[in-house]
Amino acid sequence: MIGKVAVAIAVLVVACILVAGLYTLFKGGDVSRSWSNRLMRLRVLAQFIAIIVIMTVLYFTRGH
């Protein structure tokens, strides 16, 4: 149960960062210049962490 919650939170964080990054990208102007690239780099980091969380949950739920 805890594993499913951790995976859901990790995926939700990635989705929120993606939506925020796309919003700033399409908004343009000063907001886009200062935040768009930063948010997309943060998204890559969040995706990496989410993959680690997912693989860890899979490893421990399979009984190894």
PDB file of N, CA and C in Angstrom:
ATOM      1  N   MET A   1       0.817  -1.200   0.000  1.00  0.00           N
ATOM      2  CA  MET A   1       0.000   0.000   0.000  1.00  0.00           C
ATOM      3  C   MET A   1       0.858   1.262   0.000  1.00  0.00           C
ATOM      4  N   ILE A   2       1.885   1.275   0.829  1.00  0.00           N
ATOM      5  CA  ILE A   2       2.767   2.440   0.894  1.00  0.00           C
ATOM      6  C   ILE A   2       3.484   2.639  -0.441  1.00  0.00           C
ATOM      7  N   GLY A   3       3.819   1.527  -1.091  1.00  0.00           N
ATOM      8  CA  GLY A   3       4.484   1.597  -2.385  1.00  0.00           C
ATOM      9  C   GLY A   3       3.619   2.254  -3.438  1.00  0.00           C
ATOM     10  N   LYS A   4       2.344   1.904  -3.446  1.00  0.00           N
ATOM     11  CA  LYS A   4       1.420   2.494  -4.423  1.00  0.00           C
ATOM     12  C   LYS A   4       1.272   3.994  -4.192  1.00  0.00           C
ATOM     13  N   VAL A   5       1.234   4.392  -2.934  1.00  0.00           N
ATOM     14  CA  VAL A   5       1.125   5.820  -2.613  1.00  0.00           C
ATOM     15  C   VAL A   5       2.389   6.556  -3.045  1.00  0.00           C
ATOM     16  N   ALA A   6       3.548   5.955  -2.806  1.00  0.00           N
ATOM     17  CA  ALA A   6       4.820   6.584  -3.197  1.00  0.00           C
ATOM     18  C   ALA A   6       4.902   6.748  -4.711  1.00  0.00           C
ATOM     19  N   VAL A   7       4.477   5.734  -5.443  1.00  0.00           N
ATOM     20  CA  VAL A   7       4.488   5.819  -6.912  1.00  0.00           C
ATOM     21  C   VAL A   7       3.509   6.890  -7.380  1.00  0.00           C
ATOM     22  N   ALA A   8       2.330   6.934  -6.799  1.00  0.00           N
ATOM     23  CA  ALA A   8       1.338   7.933  -7.194  1.00  0.00           C
ATOM     24  C   ALA A   8       1.839   9.349  -6.925  1.00  0.00           C
ATOM     25  N   ILE A   9       2.472   9.549  -5.786  1.00  0.00           N
ATOM     26  CA  ILE A   9       3.007  10.876  -5.462  1.00  0.00           C
ATOM     27  C   ILE A   9       4.116  11.255  -6.437  1.00  0.00           C
ATOM     28  N   ALA A  10       5.001  10.316  -6.741  1.00  0.00           N
ATOM     29  CA  ALA A  10       6.107  10.596  -7.662  1.00  0.00           C
ATOM     30  C   ALA A  10       5.582  10.974  -9.044  1.00  0.00           C
ATOM     31  N   VAL A  11       4.593  10.246  -9.531  1.00  0.00           N
ATOM     32  CA  VAL A  11       4.023  10.536 -10.852  1.00  0.00           C
ATOM     33  C   VAL A  11       3.275  11.870 -10.829  1.00  0.00           C
ATOM     34  N   LEU A  12       2.574  12.139  -9.751  1.00  0.00           N
ATOM     35  CA  LEU A  12       1.847  13.400  -9.636  1.00  0.00           C
ATOM     36  C   LEU A  12       2.795  14.600  -9.615  1.00  0.00           C
ATOM     37  N   VAL A  13       3.911  14.470  -8.925  1.00  0.00           N
ATOM     38  CA  VAL A  13       4.902  15.555  -8.887  1.00  0.00           C
ATOM     39  C   VAL A  13       5.447  15.817 -10.286  1.00  0.00           C
ATOM     40  N   VAL A  14       5.774  14.754 -11.014  1.00  0.00           N
ATOM     41  CA  VAL A  14       6.286  14.914 -12.380  1.00  0.00           C
ATOM     42  C   VAL A  14       5.232  15.594 -13.259  1.00  0.00           C
ATOM     43  N   ALA A  15       3.980  15.164 -13.140  1.00  0.00           N
ATOM     44  CA  ALA A  15       2.912  15.758 -13.952  1.00  0.00           C
ATOM     45  C   ALA A  15       2.715  17.236 -13.633  1.00  0.00           C
ATOM     46  N   CYS A  16       2.759  17.586 -12.365  1.00  0.00           N
ATOM     47  CA  CYS A  16       2.589  18.995 -11.975  1.00  0.00           C
ATOM     48  C   CYS A  16       3.720  19.865 -12.502  1.00  0.00           C
ATOM     49  N   ILE A  17       4.940  19.367 -12.414  1.00  0.00           N
ATOM     50  CA  ILE A  17       6.081  20.133 -12.924  1.00  0.00           C
ATOM     51  C   ILE A  17       5.984  20.264 -14.438  1.00  0.00           C
ATOM     52  N   LEU A  18       5.541  19.204 -15.114  1.00  0.00           N
ATOM     53  CA  LEU A  18       5.382  19.254 -16.567  1.00  0.00           C
ATOM     54  C   LEU A  18       4.340  20.295 -16.963  1.00  0.00           C
ATOM     55  N   VAL A  19       3.209  20.307 -16.300  1.00  0.00           N
ATOM     56  CA  VAL A  19       2.151  21.272 -16.610  1.00  0.00           C
ATOM     57  C   VAL A  19       2.636  22.699 -16.345  1.00  0.00           C
ATOM     58  N   ALA A  20       3.319  22.898 -15.229  1.00  0.00           N
ATOM     59  CA  ALA A  20       3.835  24.237 -14.922  1.00  0.00           C
ATOM     60  C   ALA A  20       4.865  24.678 -15.957  1.00  0.00           C
ATOM     61  N   GLY A  21       5.728  23.768 -16.373  1.00  0.00           N
ATOM     62  CA  GLY A  21       6.733  24.100 -17.384  1.00  0.00           C
ATOM     63  C   GLY A  21       6.109  24.428 -18.731  1.00  0.00           C
ATOM     64  N   LEU A  22       5.103  23.660 -19.132  1.00  0.00           N
ATOM     65  CA  LEU A  22       4.426  23.943 -20.398  1.00  0.00           C
ATOM     66  C   LEU A  22       3.667  25.266 -20.336  1.00  0.00           C
ATOM     67  N   TYR A  23       3.070  25.546 -19.195  1.00  0.00           N
ATOM     68  CA  TYR A  23       2.357  26.819 -19.033  1.00  0.00           C
ATOM     69  C   TYR A  23       3.308  28.000 -19.204  1.00  0.00           C
ATOM     70  N   THR A  24       4.459  27.937 -18.543  1.00  0.00           N
ATOM     71  CA  THR A  24       5.406  29.057 -18.665  1.00  0.00           C
ATOM     72  C   THR A  24       5.981  29.140 -20.071  1.00  0.00           C
ATOM     73  N   LEU A  25       6.132  28.003 -20.725  1.00  0.00           N
ATOM     74  CA  LEU A  25       6.656  28.000 -22.096  1.00  0.00           C
ATOM     75  C   LEU A  25       5.689  28.713 -23.035  1.00  0.00           C
ATOM     76  N   PHE A  26       4.405  28.417 -22.916  1.00  0.00           N
ATOM     77  CA  PHE A  26       3.420  29.019 -23.800  1.00  0.00           C
ATOM     78  C   PHE A  26       3.037  30.432 -23.399  1.00  0.00           C
ATOM     79  N   LYS A  27       3.244  30.785 -22.140  1.00  0.00           N
ATOM     80  CA  LYS A  27       2.933  32.143 -21.698  1.00  0.00           C
ATOM     81  C   LYS A  27       3.907  33.149 -22.318  1.00  0.00           C
ATOM     82  N   GLY A  28       5.181  32.757 -22.393  1.00  0.00           N
ATOM     83  CA  GLY A  28       6.170  33.618 -23.020  1.00  0.00           C
ATOM     84  C   GLY A  28       6.602  34.767 -22.126  1.00  0.00           C
ATOM     85  N   GLY A  29       7.391  35.657 -22.683  1.00  0.00           N
ATOM     86  CA  GLY A  29       7.834  36.849 -21.966  1.00  0.00           C
ATOM     87  C   GLY A  29       8.890  36.548 -20.913  1.00  0.00           C
ATOM     88  N   ASP A  30       8.926  37.400 -19.890  1.00  0.00           N
ATOM     89  CA  ASP A  30       9.917  37.270 -18.824  1.00  0.00           C
ATOM     90  C   ASP A  30       9.729  35.999 -18.005  1.00  0.00           C
ATOM     91  N   VAL A  31       8.487  35.597 -17.820  1.00  0.00           N
ATOM     92  CA  VAL A  31       8.218  34.376 -17.062  1.00  0.00           C
ATOM     93  C   VAL A  31       8.840  33.181 -17.774  1.00  0.00           C
ATOM     94  N   SER A  32       8.669  33.118 -19.061  1.00  0.00           N
ATOM     95  CA  SER A  32       9.223  32.006 -19.832  1.00  0.00           C
ATOM     96  C   SER A  32      10.745  32.005 -19.783  1.00  0.00           C
ATOM     97  N   ARG A  33      11.334  33.174 -19.922  1.00  0.00           N
ATOM     98  CA  ARG A  33      12.804  33.253 -19.909  1.00  0.00           C
ATOM     99  C   ARG A  33      13.386  32.790 -18.587  1.00  0.00           C
ATOM    100  N   SER A  34      12.730  33.126 -17.495  1.00  0.00           N
ATOM    101  CA  SER A  34      13.323  32.816 -16.199  1.00  0.00           C
ATOM    102  C   SER A  34      12.914  31.455 -15.646  1.00  0.00           C
ATOM    103  N   TRP A  35      11.758  30.899 -16.060  1.00  0.00           N
ATOM    104  CA  TRP A  35      11.270  29.686 -15.421  1.00  0.00           C
ATOM    105  C   TRP A  35      11.156  28.455 -16.317  1.00  0.00           C
ATOM    106  N   SER A  36      10.929  28.621 -17.596  1.00  0.00           N
ATOM    107  CA  SER A  36      10.636  27.476 -18.464  1.00  0.00           C
ATOM    108  C   SER A  36      11.764  26.447 -18.456  1.00  0.00           C
ATOM    109  N   ASN A  37      12.963  26.868 -18.725  1.00  0.00           N
ATOM    110  CA  ASN A  37      14.094  25.940 -18.771  1.00  0.00           C
ATOM    111  C   ASN A  37      14.384  25.348 -17.395  1.00  0.00           C
ATOM    112  N   ARG A  38      14.264  26.152 -16.364  1.00  0.00           N
ATOM    113  CA  ARG A  38      14.499  25.681 -14.996  1.00  0.00           C
ATOM    114  C   ARG A  38      13.482  24.588 -14.615  1.00  0.00           C
ATOM    115  N   LEU A  39      12.221  24.803 -14.973  1.00  0.00           N
ATOM    116  CA  LEU A  39      11.199  23.811 -14.660  1.00  0.00           C
ATOM    117  C   LEU A  39      11.396  22.520 -15.452  1.00  0.00           C
ATOM    118  N   MET A  40      11.827  22.628 -16.683  1.00  0.00           N
ATOM    119  CA  MET A  40      12.043  21.418 -17.477  1.00  0.00           C
ATOM    120  C   MET A  40      13.238  20.616 -16.937  1.00  0.00           C
ATOM    121  N   ARG A  41      14.266  21.307 -16.461  1.00  0.00           N
ATOM    122  CA  ARG A  41      15.383  20.582 -15.828  1.00  0.00           C
ATOM    123  C   ARG A  41      14.931  19.927 -14.525  1.00  0.00           C
ATOM    124  N   LEU A  42      14.087  20.608 -13.779  1.00  0.00           N
ATOM    125  CA  LEU A  42      13.539  20.046 -12.552  1.00  0.00           C
ATOM    126  C   LEU A  42      12.664  18.826 -12.865  1.00  0.00           C
ATOM    127  N   ARG A  43      11.952  18.877 -13.985  1.00  0.00           N
ATOM    128  CA  ARG A  43      11.124  17.744 -14.402  1.00  0.00           C
ATOM    129  C   ARG A  43      11.969  16.517 -14.687  1.00  0.00           C
ATOM    130  N   VAL A  44      13.100  16.714 -15.348  1.00  0.00           N
ATOM    131  CA  VAL A  44      13.996  15.585 -15.633  1.00  0.00           C
ATOM    132  C   VAL A  44      14.485  14.961 -14.335  1.00  0.00           C
ATOM    133  N   LEU A  45      14.851  15.782 -13.368  1.00  0.00           N
ATOM    134  CA  LEU A  45      15.275  15.268 -12.071  1.00  0.00           C
ATOM    135  C   LEU A  45      14.133  14.526 -11.376  1.00  0.00           C
ATOM    136  N   ALA A  46      12.935  15.084 -11.432  1.00  0.00           N
ATOM    137  CA  ALA A  46      11.779  14.431 -10.810  1.00  0.00           C
ATOM    138  C   ALA A  46      11.465  13.110 -11.492  1.00  0.00           C
ATOM    139  N   GLN A  47      11.628  13.044 -12.808  1.00  0.00           N
ATOM    140  CA  GLN A  47      11.405  11.786 -13.524  1.00  0.00           C
ATOM    141  C   GLN A  47      12.424  10.740 -13.102  1.00  0.00           C
ATOM    142  N   PHE A  48      13.659  11.144 -12.928  1.00  0.00           N
ATOM    143  CA  PHE A  48      14.700  10.219 -12.484  1.00  0.00           C
ATOM    144  C   PHE A  48      14.354   9.658 -11.104  1.00  0.00           C
ATOM    145  N   ILE A  49      13.942  10.527 -10.208  1.00  0.00           N
ATOM    146  CA  ILE A  49      13.561  10.090  -8.864  1.00  0.00           C
ATOM    147  C   ILE A  49      12.329   9.179  -8.926  1.00  0.00           C
ATOM    148  N   ALA A  50      11.360   9.522  -9.789  1.00  0.00           N
ATOM    149  CA  ALA A  50      10.168   8.694  -9.929  1.00  0.00           C
ATOM    150  C   ALA A  50      10.518   7.298 -10.439  1.00  0.00           C
ATOM    151  N   ILE A  51      11.448   7.206 -11.370  1.00  0.00           N
ATOM    152  CA  ILE A  51      11.872   5.898 -11.872  1.00  0.00           C
ATOM    153  C   ILE A  51      12.532   5.087 -10.763  1.00  0.00           C
ATOM    154  N   ILE A  52      13.348   5.742  -9.955  1.00  0.00           N
ATOM    155  CA  ILE A  52      13.980   5.041  -8.826  1.00  0.00           C
ATOM    156  C   ILE A  52      12.916   4.552  -7.849  1.00  0.00           C
ATOM    157  N   VAL A  53      11.925   5.384  -7.553  1.00  0.00           N
ATOM    158  CA  VAL A  53      10.845   4.986  -6.642  1.00  0.00           C
ATOM    159  C   VAL A  53      10.072   3.801  -7.224  1.00  0.00           C
ATOM    160  N   ILE A  54       9.720   3.869  -8.491  1.00  0.00           N
ATOM    161  CA  ILE A  54       8.962   2.796  -9.132  1.00  0.00           C
ATOM    162  C   ILE A  54       9.751   1.492  -9.128  1.00  0.00           C
ATOM    163  N   MET A  55      11.019   1.552  -9.486  1.00  0.00           N
ATOM    164  CA  MET A  55      11.841   0.335  -9.521  1.00  0.00           C
ATOM    165  C   MET A  55      12.039  -0.242  -8.121  1.00  0.00           C
ATOM    166  N   THR A  56      12.176   0.628  -7.129  1.00  0.00           N
ATOM    167  CA  THR A  56      12.325   0.153  -5.743  1.00  0.00           C
ATOM    168  C   THR A  56      11.053  -0.542  -5.265  1.00  0.00           C
ATOM    169  N   VAL A  57       9.915   0.047  -5.559  1.00  0.00           N
ATOM    170  CA  VAL A  57       8.643  -0.558  -5.166  1.00  0.00           C
ATOM    171  C   VAL A  57       8.467  -1.903  -5.884  1.00  0.00           C
ATOM    172  N   LEU A  58       8.781  -1.955  -7.156  1.00  0.00           N
ATOM    173  CA  LEU A  58       8.677  -3.220  -7.886  1.00  0.00           C
ATOM    174  C   LEU A  58       9.596  -4.280  -7.283  1.00  0.00           C
ATOM    175  N   TYR A  59      10.797  -3.893  -6.948  1.00  0.00           N
ATOM    176  CA  TYR A  59      11.761  -4.833  -6.398  1.00  0.00           C
ATOM    177  C   TYR A  59      11.263  -5.437  -5.076  1.00  0.00           C
ATOM    178  N   PHE A  60      10.765  -4.586  -4.198  1.00  0.00           N
ATOM    179  CA  PHE A  60      10.350  -5.068  -2.881  1.00  0.00           C
ATOM    180  C   PHE A  60       8.977  -5.742  -2.872  1.00  0.00           C
ATOM    181  N   THR A  61       8.131  -5.443  -3.840  1.00  0.00           N
ATOM    182  CA  THR A  61       6.818  -6.085  -3.873  1.00  0.00           C
ATOM    183  C   THR A  61       6.865  -7.445  -4.559  1.00  0.00           C
ATOM    184  N   ARG A  62       7.931  -7.751  -5.261  1.00  0.00           N
ATOM    185  CA  ARG A  62       8.044  -9.056  -5.907  1.00  0.00           C
ATOM    186  C   ARG A  62       8.634 -10.101  -4.984  1.00  0.00           C
ATOM    187  N   GLY A  63       8.989  -9.723  -3.761  1.00  0.00           N
ATOM    188  CA  GLY A  63       9.438 -10.676  -2.771  1.00  0.00           C
ATOM    189  C   GLY A  63      10.916 -11.024  -2.807  1.00  0.00           C
ATOM    190  N   HIS A  64      11.709 -10.170  -3.381  1.00  0.00           N
ATOM    191  CA  HIS A  64      13.166 -10.437  -3.427  1.00  0.00           C
ATOM    192  C   HIS A  64      13.826 -10.094  -2.137  1.00  0.00           C
TER     193      HIS A  64
END
